[in-house]
C-alpha atoms as a PDB file:
ATOM      1  CA  MET A   1      14.115 -26.594  35.541  1.00  0.00           C
ATOM      2  CA  LEU A   2      15.315 -27.836  38.925  1.00  0.00           C
ATOM      3  CA  LEU A   3      12.844 -29.460  41.313  1.00  0.00           C
ATOM      4  CA  ASP A   4      13.324 -29.402  45.070  1.00  0.00           C
ATOM      5  CA  THR A   5      11.734 -32.827  45.076  1.00  0.00           C
ATOM      6  CA  ALA A   6      11.180 -33.432  48.809  1.00  0.00           C
ATOM      7  CA  SER A   7       9.666 -29.972  49.238  1.00  0.00           C
ATOM      8  CA  LEU A   8       7.246 -30.703  46.401  1.00  0.00           C
ATOM      9  CA  TYR A   9       6.176 -34.187  47.439  1.00  0.00           C
ATOM     10  CA  PHE A  10       5.596 -32.942  50.991  1.00  0.00           C
ATOM     11  CA  ARG A  11       3.266 -30.321  49.536  1.00  0.00           C
ATOM     12  CA  ALA A  12       1.617 -32.888  47.300  1.00  0.00           C
ATOM     13  CA  TYR A  13       1.107 -35.165  50.304  1.00  0.00           C
ATOM     14  CA  PHE A  14      -0.706 -32.483  52.276  1.00  0.00           C
ATOM     15  CA  GLY A  15      -2.512 -31.094  49.228  1.00  0.00           C
ATOM     16  CA  VAL A  16      -4.007 -34.356  47.928  1.00  0.00           C
ATOM     17  CA  PRO A  17      -6.309 -36.392  50.224  1.00  0.00           C
ATOM     18  CA  GLU A  18      -5.121 -39.738  51.584  1.00  0.00           C
ATOM     19  CA  SER A  19      -8.228 -41.281  50.057  1.00  0.00           C
ATOM     20  CA  VAL A  20      -6.191 -41.423  46.827  1.00  0.00           C
ATOM     21  CA  LYS A  21      -4.920 -44.988  47.118  1.00  0.00           C
ATOM     22  CA  ALA A  22      -3.358 -47.865  45.200  1.00  0.00           C
ATOM     23  CA  PRO A  23      -5.494 -50.944  44.433  1.00  0.00           C
ATOM     24  CA  ASP A  24      -4.262 -52.571  47.666  1.00  0.00           C
ATOM     25  CA  GLY A  25      -5.361 -49.570  49.752  1.00  0.00           C
ATOM     26  CA  THR A  26      -1.917 -47.995  50.176  1.00  0.00           C
ATOM     27  CA  PRO A  27      -2.060 -44.167  50.022  1.00  0.00           C
ATOM     28  CA  VAL A  28      -0.386 -42.763  46.893  1.00  0.00           C
ATOM     29  CA  ASN A  29      -1.481 -39.150  47.292  1.00  0.00           C
ATOM     30  CA  ALA A  30       2.103 -37.819  47.326  1.00  0.00           C
ATOM     31  CA  VAL A  31       3.043 -39.885  44.253  1.00  0.00           C
ATOM     32  CA  ARG A  32       0.065 -38.836  42.182  1.00  0.00           C
ATOM     33  CA  GLY A  33       0.179 -35.247  43.416  1.00  0.00           C
ATOM     34  CA  LEU A  34       3.835 -34.926  42.413  1.00  0.00           C
ATOM     35  CA  LEU A  35       3.190 -36.436  38.973  1.00  0.00           C
ATOM     36  CA  ASP A  36       0.347 -33.977  38.400  1.00  0.00           C
ATOM     37  CA  PHE A  37       2.580 -31.134  39.528  1.00  0.00           C
ATOM     38  CA  ILE A  38       5.385 -32.111  37.130  1.00  0.00           C
ATOM     39  CA  ALA A  39       2.849 -32.502  34.304  1.00  0.00           C
ATOM     40  CA  ARG A  40       1.606 -28.980  34.943  1.00  0.00           C
ATOM     41  CA  LEU A  41       5.141 -27.574  35.076  1.00  0.00           C
ATOM     42  CA  VAL A  42       6.129 -29.252  31.807  1.00  0.00           C
ATOM     43  CA  ALA A  43       2.946 -28.167  30.038  1.00  0.00           C
ATOM     44  CA  ASP A  44       3.129 -24.565  31.268  1.00  0.00           C
ATOM     45  CA  HIS A  45       6.877 -23.892  31.082  1.00  0.00           C
ATOM     46  CA  HIS A  46       8.272 -26.285  28.422  1.00  0.00           C
ATOM     47  CA  PRO A  47      11.717 -26.817  30.000  1.00  0.00           C
ATOM     48  CA  ASP A  48      14.461 -28.288  27.825  1.00  0.00           C
ATOM     49  CA  ASP A  49      16.055 -29.980  30.829  1.00  0.00           C
ATOM     50  CA  LEU A  50      14.494 -31.098  34.090  1.00  0.00           C
ATOM     51  CA  VAL A  51      16.153 -32.478  37.222  1.00  0.00           C
ATOM     52  CA  ALA A  52      14.490 -33.914  40.311  1.00  0.00           C
ATOM     53  CA  CYS A  53      17.043 -32.878  42.946  1.00  0.00           C
ATOM     54  CA  MET A  54      17.175 -35.176  45.980  1.00  0.00           C
ATOM     55  CA  ASP A  55      18.342 -35.025  49.590  1.00  0.00           C
ATOM     56  CA  ALA A  56      21.133 -37.599  49.812  1.00  0.00           C
ATOM     57  CA  ASP A  57      21.657 -36.195  53.328  1.00  0.00           C
ATOM     58  CA  TRP A  58      18.873 -33.982  54.660  1.00  0.00           C
ATOM     59  CA  ARG A  59      20.963 -32.875  57.686  1.00  0.00           C
ATOM     60  CA  PRO A  60      24.652 -32.927  56.687  1.00  0.00           C
ATOM     61  CA  GLN A  61      27.064 -33.437  59.552  1.00  0.00           C
ATOM     62  CA  TRP A  62      29.293 -30.592  58.374  1.00  0.00           C
ATOM     63  CA  ARG A  63      26.404 -28.181  58.909  1.00  0.00           C
ATOM     64  CA  VAL A  64      25.511 -29.714  62.295  1.00  0.00           C
ATOM     65  CA  ASP A  65      29.166 -29.431  63.401  1.00  0.00           C
ATOM     66  CA  LEU A  66      28.955 -25.666  62.854  1.00  0.00           C
ATOM     67  CA  ILE A  67      25.440 -25.136  64.289  1.00  0.00           C
ATOM     68  CA  PRO A  68      24.344 -28.156  66.385  1.00  0.00           C
ATOM     69  CA  SER A  69      20.716 -26.989  66.461  1.00  0.00           C
ATOM     70  CA  TYR A  70      20.497 -27.198  62.648  1.00  0.00           C
ATOM     71  CA  LYS A  71      17.247 -29.076  61.888  1.00  0.00           C
ATOM     72  CA  ALA A  72      17.583 -30.817  65.270  1.00  0.00           C
ATOM     73  CA  HIS A  73      13.863 -30.565  66.009  1.00  0.00           C
ATOM     74  CA  ARG A  74      13.080 -32.527  62.836  1.00  0.00           C
ATOM     75  CA  VAL A  75      15.012 -35.610  63.935  1.00  0.00           C
ATOM     76  CA  ALA A  76      12.482 -38.405  64.444  1.00  0.00           C
ATOM     77  CA  GLU A  77      14.577 -40.460  66.818  1.00  0.00           C
ATOM     78  CA  GLU A  78      18.208 -40.370  67.804  1.00  0.00           C
ATOM     79  CA  ILE A  79      19.847 -43.566  66.608  1.00  0.00           C
ATOM     80  CA  GLU A  80      23.218 -44.081  68.229  1.00  0.00           C
ATOM     81  CA  GLY A  81      25.940 -44.500  65.659  1.00  0.00           C
ATOM     82  CA  GLY A  82      23.531 -44.162  62.746  1.00  0.00           C
ATOM     83  CA  PRO A  83      22.306 -41.310  60.585  1.00  0.00           C
ATOM     84  CA  ASP A  84      19.489 -39.101  61.790  1.00  0.00           C
ATOM     85  CA  GLU A  85      16.113 -39.950  60.321  1.00  0.00           C
ATOM     86  CA  GLU A  86      13.873 -37.058  59.341  1.00  0.00           C
ATOM     87  CA  GLU A  87      10.447 -37.135  60.925  1.00  0.00           C
ATOM     88  CA  THR A  88       7.895 -37.754  58.178  1.00  0.00           C
ATOM     89  CA  PRO A  89       4.235 -38.799  58.268  1.00  0.00           C
ATOM     90  CA  ASP A  90       3.810 -42.583  58.496  1.00  0.00           C
ATOM     91  CA  THR A  91       1.974 -42.766  55.176  1.00  0.00           C
ATOM     92  CA  LEU A  92       4.433 -40.547  53.297  1.00  0.00           C
ATOM     93  CA  SER A  93       7.702 -42.445  53.886  1.00  0.00           C
ATOM     94  CA  PRO A  94       6.599 -45.573  51.941  1.00  0.00           C
ATOM     95  CA  GLN A  95       5.670 -43.394  48.964  1.00  0.00           C
ATOM     96  CA  VAL A  96       9.177 -41.975  48.484  1.00  0.00           C
ATOM     97  CA  PRO A  97      10.688 -45.147  46.928  1.00  0.00           C
ATOM     98  CA  VAL A  98       7.669 -45.309  44.604  1.00  0.00           C
ATOM     99  CA  ILE A  99       8.290 -41.718  43.511  1.00  0.00           C
ATOM    100  CA  GLU A 100      11.928 -42.541  42.823  1.00  0.00           C
ATOM    101  CA  ALA A 101      11.076 -45.680  40.839  1.00  0.00           C
ATOM    102  CA  VAL A 102       8.500 -43.847  38.718  1.00  0.00           C
ATOM    103  CA  LEU A 103      10.881 -40.968  37.944  1.00  0.00           C
ATOM    104  CA  ASP A 104      13.582 -43.469  36.956  1.00  0.00           C
ATOM    105  CA  ALA A 105      11.233 -45.417  34.691  1.00  0.00           C
ATOM    106  CA  LEU A 106      10.106 -42.179  33.063  1.00  0.00           C
ATOM    107  CA  GLY A 107      13.703 -41.145  32.450  1.00  0.00           C
ATOM    108  CA  ILE A 108      13.446 -37.917  34.452  1.00  0.00           C
ATOM    109  CA  ALA A 109      16.901 -37.163  35.854  1.00  0.00           C
ATOM    110  CA  ARG A 110      17.120 -37.717  39.614  1.00  0.00           C
ATOM    111  CA  ILE A 111      20.270 -36.369  41.255  1.00  0.00           C
ATOM    112  CA  GLY A 112      21.598 -36.354  44.790  1.00  0.00           C
ATOM    113  CA  ALA A 113      25.116 -36.053  46.184  1.00  0.00           C
ATOM    114  CA  ALA A 114      26.442 -37.869  49.248  1.00  0.00           C
ATOM    115  CA  GLY A 115      26.757 -35.526  52.227  1.00  0.00           C
ATOM    116  CA  TYR A 116      24.628 -32.780  50.700  1.00  0.00           C
ATOM    117  CA  GLU A 117      21.045 -31.578  50.609  1.00  0.00           C
ATOM    118  CA  ALA A 118      18.945 -31.077  47.505  1.00  0.00           C
ATOM    119  CA  ASP A 119      19.482 -27.316  47.969  1.00  0.00           C
ATOM    120  CA  ASP A 120      23.200 -27.837  47.387  1.00  0.00           C
ATOM    121  CA  VAL A 121      22.586 -29.874  44.238  1.00  0.00           C
ATOM    122  CA  ILE A 122      20.311 -27.090  43.013  1.00  0.00           C
ATOM    123  CA  GLY A 123      22.955 -24.478  43.842  1.00  0.00           C
ATOM    124  CA  THR A 124      25.614 -26.411  41.941  1.00  0.00           C
ATOM    125  CA  LEU A 125      23.490 -27.055  38.847  1.00  0.00           C
ATOM    126  CA  THR A 126      22.399 -23.406  38.852  1.00  0.00           C
ATOM    127  CA  ALA A 127      26.025 -22.261  38.972  1.00  0.00           C
ATOM    128  CA  ARG A 128      26.885 -24.532  36.038  1.00  0.00           C
ATOM    129  CA  ALA A 129      23.870 -23.626  33.894  1.00  0.00           C
ATOM    130  CA  ARG A 130      24.529 -21.800  30.639  1.00  0.00           C
ATOM    131  CA  GLY A 131      20.974 -20.537  30.238  1.00  0.00           C
ATOM    132  CA  PRO A 132      17.949 -19.503  32.295  1.00  0.00           C
ATOM    133  CA  VAL A 133      17.000 -21.636  35.302  1.00  0.00           C
ATOM    134  CA  ASP A 134      13.640 -22.123  36.996  1.00  0.00           C
ATOM    135  CA  ILE A 135      13.916 -23.501  40.534  1.00  0.00           C
ATOM    136  CA  VAL A 136      10.658 -25.012  41.782  1.00  0.00           C
ATOM    137  CA  THR A 137      10.535 -25.147  45.577  1.00  0.00           C
ATOM    138  CA  GLY A 138       8.445 -24.421  48.611  1.00  0.00           C
ATOM    139  CA  ASP A 139      11.614 -23.529  50.530  1.00  0.00           C
ATOM    140  CA  ARG A 140      12.390 -19.813  50.734  1.00  0.00           C
ATOM    141  CA  ASP A 141      16.068 -20.586  51.452  1.00  0.00           C
ATOM    142  CA  LEU A 142      16.562 -20.927  47.702  1.00  0.00           C
ATOM    143  CA  TYR A 143      15.577 -17.290  47.133  1.00  0.00           C
ATOM    144  CA  GLN A 144      19.297 -16.626  47.600  1.00  0.00           C
ATOM    145  CA  LEU A 145      19.917 -18.039  44.108  1.00  0.00           C
ATOM    146  CA  VAL A 146      17.624 -15.563  42.332  1.00  0.00           C
ATOM    147  CA  ASP A 147      19.624 -13.650  39.741  1.00  0.00           C
ATOM    148  CA  ASP A 148      17.887 -11.594  37.039  1.00  0.00           C
ATOM    149  CA  ALA A 149      21.085 -11.134  35.038  1.00  0.00           C
ATOM    150  CA  ARG A 150      21.450 -14.906  34.618  1.00  0.00           C
ATOM    151  CA  GLY A 151      17.730 -15.598  34.306  1.00  0.00           C
ATOM    152  CA  VAL A 152      17.548 -17.532  37.578  1.00  0.00           C
ATOM    153  CA  ARG A 153      14.164 -17.365  39.293  1.00  0.00           C
ATOM    154  CA  VAL A 154      12.187 -19.360  41.842  1.00  0.00           C
ATOM    155  CA  LEU A 155       8.703 -20.716  41.173  1.00  0.00           C
ATOM    156  CA  TYR A 156       7.140 -20.907  44.630  1.00  0.00           C
ATOM    157  CA  PRO A 157       3.916 -22.884  45.208  1.00  0.00           C
ATOM    158  CA  VAL A 158       1.467 -20.537  46.907  1.00  0.00           C
ATOM    159  CA  LYS A 159      -1.602 -22.758  47.077  1.00  0.00           C
ATOM    160  CA  GLY A 160      -1.242 -26.508  46.983  1.00  0.00           C
ATOM    161  CA  VAL A 161       0.818 -27.336  43.910  1.00  0.00           C
ATOM    162  CA  GLY A 162      -1.278 -25.529  41.328  1.00  0.00           C
ATOM    163  CA  THR A 163      -0.598 -21.823  41.850  1.00  0.00           C
ATOM    164  CA  LEU A 164       2.999 -20.614  41.543  1.00  0.00           C
ATOM    165  CA  GLN A 165       4.497 -17.258  42.480  1.00  0.00           C
ATOM    166  CA  THR A 166       7.409 -16.185  40.284  1.00  0.00           C
ATOM    167  CA  VAL A 167      10.165 -14.864  42.536  1.00  0.00           C
ATOM    168  CA  ASP A 168      12.629 -12.490  40.860  1.00  0.00           C
ATOM    169  CA  GLU A 169      14.795  -9.665  42.172  1.00  0.00           C
ATOM    170  CA  ALA A 170      11.963  -7.137  41.941  1.00  0.00           C
ATOM    171  CA  LEU A 171       9.775  -9.254  44.218  1.00  0.00           C
ATOM    172  CA  LEU A 172      12.619  -9.830  46.687  1.00  0.00           C
ATOM    173  CA  ARG A 173      13.330  -6.097  46.908  1.00  0.00           C
ATOM    174  CA  GLU A 174       9.638  -5.305  47.302  1.00  0.00           C
ATOM    175  CA  LYS A 175       8.971  -7.949  49.955  1.00  0.00           C
ATOM    176  CA  TYR A 176      12.289  -8.193  51.804  1.00  0.00           C
ATOM    177  CA  GLY A 177      14.373  -5.218  50.703  1.00  0.00           C
ATOM    178  CA  VAL A 178      17.230  -7.425  49.453  1.00  0.00           C
ATOM    179  CA  ASP A 179      18.482  -9.126  46.294  1.00  0.00           C
ATOM    180  CA  GLY A 180      19.205 -12.843  45.926  1.00  0.00           C
ATOM    181  CA  PRO A 181      22.562 -13.066  47.754  1.00  0.00           C
ATOM    182  CA  GLY A 182      21.240 -10.609  50.327  1.00  0.00           C
ATOM    183  CA  TYR A 183      18.454 -13.026  51.195  1.00  0.00           C
ATOM    184  CA  ALA A 184      20.957 -15.475  52.724  1.00  0.00           C
ATOM    185  CA  ASP A 185      22.319 -12.712  54.985  1.00  0.00           C
ATOM    186  CA  LEU A 186      18.771 -11.693  55.902  1.00  0.00           C
ATOM    187  CA  ALA A 187      17.875 -15.280  56.765  1.00  0.00           C
ATOM    188  CA  LEU A 188      20.859 -15.892  59.005  1.00  0.00           C
ATOM    189  CA  LEU A 189      20.429 -12.582  60.847  1.00  0.00           C
ATOM    190  CA  ARG A 190      16.724 -13.064  61.603  1.00  0.00           C
ATOM    191  CA  GLY A 191      17.062 -16.809  62.155  1.00  0.00           C
ATOM    192  CA  ASP A 192      14.748 -19.567  61.010  1.00  0.00           C
ATOM    193  CA  PRO A 193      13.052 -21.804  63.606  1.00  0.00           C
ATOM    194  CA  SER A 194      12.044 -24.293  60.894  1.00  0.00           C
ATOM    195  CA  ASP A 195      15.744 -24.972  60.238  1.00  0.00           C
ATOM    196  CA  GLY A 196      16.939 -24.592  63.822  1.00  0.00           C
ATOM    197  CA  LEU A 197      18.855 -21.381  63.069  1.00  0.00           C
ATOM    198  CA  PRO A 198      18.883 -19.120  66.160  1.00  0.00           C
ATOM    199  CA  GLY A 199      19.643 -15.862  64.366  1.00  0.00           C
ATOM    200  CA  VAL A 200      20.750 -12.772  66.268  1.00  0.00           C
ATOM    201  CA  PRO A 201      18.477 -12.219  69.294  1.00  0.00           C
ATOM    202  CA  GLY A 202      16.480  -9.012  68.984  1.00  0.00           C
ATOM    203  CA  ILE A 203      17.051  -8.650  65.233  1.00  0.00           C
ATOM    204  CA  GLY A 204      13.994  -9.607  63.218  1.00  0.00           C
ATOM    205  CA  GLU A 205      13.349  -9.490  59.509  1.00  0.00           C
ATOM    206  CA  LYS A 206      12.655  -5.747  59.274  1.00  0.00           C
ATOM    207  CA  THR A 207      15.687  -4.756  61.322  1.00  0.00           C
ATOM    208  CA  ALA A 208      17.884  -7.174  59.355  1.00  0.00           C
ATOM    209  CA  ALA A 209      16.672  -5.617  56.086  1.00  0.00           C
ATOM    210  CA  LYS A 210      17.422  -2.100  57.382  1.00  0.00           C
ATOM    211  CA  LEU A 211      20.906  -3.122  58.476  1.00  0.00           C
ATOM    212  CA  LEU A 212      21.613  -4.705  55.082  1.00  0.00           C
ATOM    213  CA  ALA A 213      20.346  -1.580  53.320  1.00  0.00           C
ATOM    214  CA  ALA A 214      22.634   0.579  55.459  1.00  0.00           C
ATOM    215  CA  TYR A 215      25.785  -1.567  55.450  1.00  0.00           C
ATOM    216  CA  GLY A 216      25.511  -3.665  52.272  1.00  0.00           C
ATOM    217  CA  ASP A 217      26.077  -7.194  53.498  1.00  0.00           C
ATOM    218  CA  LEU A 218      26.933  -9.261  56.557  1.00  0.00           C
ATOM    219  CA  ALA A 219      30.589  -8.265  56.415  1.00  0.00           C
ATOM    220  CA  GLY A 220      29.582  -4.582  56.399  1.00  0.00           C
ATOM    221  CA  ILE A 221      27.251  -5.086  59.356  1.00  0.00           C
ATOM    222  CA  THR A 222      29.956  -6.948  61.299  1.00  0.00           C
ATOM    223  CA  ALA A 223      32.457  -4.165  60.586  1.00  0.00           C
ATOM    224  CA  ALA A 224      29.912  -1.586  61.765  1.00  0.00           C
ATOM    225  CA  ALA A 225      29.393  -3.516  65.011  1.00  0.00           C
ATOM    226  CA  GLU A 226      33.133  -3.339  65.677  1.00  0.00           C
ATOM    227  CA  ASP A 227      33.295   0.383  64.836  1.00  0.00           C
ATOM    228  CA  PRO A 228      32.279   2.583  67.794  1.00  0.00           C
ATOM    229  CA  ALA A 229      31.687   5.472  65.359  1.00  0.00           C
ATOM    230  CA  SER A 230      29.055   3.600  63.301  1.00  0.00           C
ATOM    231  CA  ARG A 231      25.389   4.537  63.509  1.00  0.00           C
ATOM    232  CA  LEU A 232      24.288   1.260  65.065  1.00  0.00           C
ATOM    233  CA  THR A 233      22.307   1.664  68.255  1.00  0.00           C
ATOM    234  CA  PRO A 234      24.068   0.484  71.433  1.00  0.00           C
ATOM    235  CA  ALA A 235      21.610  -2.428  71.672  1.00  0.00           C
ATOM    236  CA  GLN A 236      22.227  -3.498  68.071  1.00  0.00           C
ATOM    237  CA  ARG A 237      25.987  -3.289  68.512  1.00  0.00           C
ATOM    238  CA  ARG A 238      25.856  -5.353  71.695  1.00  0.00           C
ATOM    239  CA  ARG A 239      23.621  -8.021  70.144  1.00  0.00           C
ATOM    240  CA  LEU A 240      25.773  -8.345  67.043  1.00  0.00           C
ATOM    241  CA  LEU A 241      29.002  -8.555  69.017  1.00  0.00           C
ATOM    242  CA  GLU A 242      27.543 -11.152  71.374  1.00  0.00           C
ATOM    243  CA  ALA A 243      26.399 -13.169  68.360  1.00  0.00           C
ATOM    244  CA  ARG A 244      29.811 -13.045  66.682  1.00  0.00           C
ATOM    245  CA  PRO A 245      30.554 -16.798  67.147  1.00  0.00           C
ATOM    246  CA  TYR A 246      27.247 -17.612  65.424  1.00  0.00           C
ATOM    247  CA  LEU A 247      27.782 -15.051  62.650  1.00  0.00           C
ATOM    248  CA  GLU A 248      31.215 -16.511  61.883  1.00  0.00           C
ATOM    249  CA  VAL A 249      29.807 -19.950  61.024  1.00  0.00           C
ATOM    250  CA  ALA A 250      26.225 -19.197  59.917  1.00  0.00           C
ATOM    251  CA  PRO A 251      27.097 -18.165  56.335  1.00  0.00           C
ATOM    252  CA  THR A 252      28.607 -21.597  55.636  1.00  0.00           C
ATOM    253  CA  VAL A 253      25.471 -23.285  56.966  1.00  0.00           C
ATOM    254  CA  VAL A 254      22.866 -21.006  55.354  1.00  0.00           C
ATOM    255  CA  ARG A 255      24.388 -20.447  51.915  1.00  0.00           C
ATOM    256  CA  VAL A 256      23.808 -23.315  49.532  1.00  0.00           C
ATOM    257  CA  ALA A 257      26.892 -24.999  48.141  1.00  0.00           C
ATOM    258  CA  SER A 258      27.770 -24.394  44.505  1.00  0.00           C
ATOM    259  CA  ASP A 259      30.570 -26.927  44.058  1.00  0.00           C
ATOM    260  CA  VAL A 260      28.947 -30.243  44.948  1.00  0.00           C
ATOM    261  CA  PRO A 261      30.364 -33.358  43.188  1.00  0.00           C
ATOM    262  CA  VAL A 262      27.229 -33.969  41.129  1.00  0.00           C
ATOM    263  CA  PRO A 263      27.319 -37.275  39.227  1.00  0.00           C
ATOM    264  CA  PRO A 264      27.077 -37.083  35.420  1.00  0.00           C
ATOM    265  CA  CYS A 265      23.524 -37.504  34.202  1.00  0.00           C
ATOM    266  CA  ASP A 266      21.405 -36.914  31.117  1.00  0.00           C
ATOM    267  CA  ILE A 267      19.121 -34.103  32.232  1.00  0.00           C
ATOM    268  CA  ALA A 268      17.223 -33.614  28.953  1.00  0.00           C
ATOM    269  CA  LEU A 269      13.483 -33.795  29.405  1.00  0.00           C
ATOM    270  CA  PRO A 270      12.381 -37.184  27.996  1.00  0.00           C
ATOM    271  CA  ALA A 271       9.693 -37.241  25.313  1.00  0.00           C
ATOM    272  CA  ALA A 272       8.871 -40.875  26.076  1.00  0.00           C
ATOM    273  CA  PRO A 273       9.510 -43.221  29.025  1.00  0.00           C
ATOM    274  CA  ARG A 274      12.976 -44.696  29.390  1.00  0.00           C
ATOM    275  CA  ASP A 275      11.570 -48.038  30.593  1.00  0.00           C
ATOM    276  CA  PRO A 276       7.955 -48.442  29.373  1.00  0.00           C
ATOM    277  CA  GLU A 277       7.601 -51.964  30.759  1.00  0.00           C
ATOM    278  CA  ALA A 278       8.718 -50.982  34.265  1.00  0.00           C
ATOM    279  CA  LEU A 279       6.485 -47.907  34.126  1.00  0.00           C
ATOM    280  CA  GLU A 280       3.476 -50.010  33.113  1.00  0.00           C
ATOM    281  CA  GLU A 281       4.092 -52.357  36.062  1.00  0.00           C
ATOM    282  CA  LEU A 282       4.401 -49.411  38.461  1.00  0.00           C
ATOM    283  CA  ALA A 283       1.236 -47.805  37.083  1.00  0.00           C
ATOM    284  CA  ALA A 284      -0.750 -51.014  37.628  1.00  0.00           C
ATOM    285  CA  ARG A 285       0.776 -51.778  41.044  1.00  0.00           C
ATOM    286  CA  TRP A 286       0.198 -48.304  42.457  1.00  0.00           C
ATOM    287  CA  GLY A 287      -2.862 -47.187  40.518  1.00  0.00           C
ATOM    288  CA  LEU A 288      -1.234 -44.110  39.026  1.00  0.00           C
ATOM    289  CA  GLY A 289      -4.041 -43.700  36.499  1.00  0.00           C
ATOM    290  CA  GLY A 290      -4.750 -40.230  35.155  1.00  0.00           C
ATOM    291  CA  SER A 291      -1.835 -38.593  36.971  1.00  0.00           C
ATOM    292  CA  LEU A 292       0.706 -40.627  35.027  1.00  0.00           C
ATOM    293  CA  GLN A 293      -1.214 -40.239  31.763  1.00  0.00           C
ATOM    294  CA  ARG A 294      -1.276 -36.452  32.147  1.00  0.00           C
ATOM    295  CA  LEU A 295       2.486 -36.420  32.650  1.00  0.00           C
ATOM    296  CA  LEU A 296       3.104 -38.694  29.660  1.00  0.00           C
ATOM    297  CA  THR A 297       0.925 -36.433  27.526  1.00  0.00           C
ATOM    298  CA  ALA A 298       2.851 -33.356  28.687  1.00  0.00           C
ATOM    299  CA  LEU A 299       6.201 -35.028  27.932  1.00  0.00           C
ATOM    300  CA  ALA A 300       5.066 -36.129  24.478  1.00  0.00           C
ATOM    301  CA  GLY A 301       3.892 -32.597  23.729  1.00  0.00           C
END
């Protein structure tokens, strides 16, 4: 089981009221919400291995070099000569180091890779996996990894962090008309304002799905645009040809990497905390209470 950790603690933050606080009054709603979410996942799905995948770089420069608008609207403040900082709520940012410390004390594997997003870590670990993989994320970009033959599916939080939708190839075909790899082509054609991807002007989700059904993949659509005898409408052909510079680089940006240098790590789900003393101190300092106890019970079970 691979967790898109930032996606999940963002959802926990907005799903659990800020009135959930540590003894000193500091909000810990994201911390406790995430712990409850992991407890539920462990209890319901019994994974053998579990990895909290992290964003070592939420906006990698190699992606920005190809598409400068990539996640540009999420940059909190441009810092000359320094890395971009992602805009996050004031009361969420201080909770992230607490989340990391608690996961480490529990012994839950936490993996990031310099220069890459959590999506890329997830893509790499999925490619290496020898058995079924559940990817838990609120980010539809990872639908591209769905693969029934390998047992790779996405568990997508529909409401808060309690109700999950299981995304497999049947659901992708029903909802989008594509399979897993086809979802990446669909996404780059239609664009995604939340990621700063412009897409091809005039080609929305439905048109993109029809084009993929007719021509197979992005390469087939591009070939059809360059073929005057193809059945593309004049407007579609013009739009695709005008967008050719974007379409040449977009696949590298949109498709998650599968060859990230992931550091070696024991990813087995722990039955007991790795550092009980540190965990006890964190529980008292941050008032983790029942959320931590529910997770410890799930791990022990």
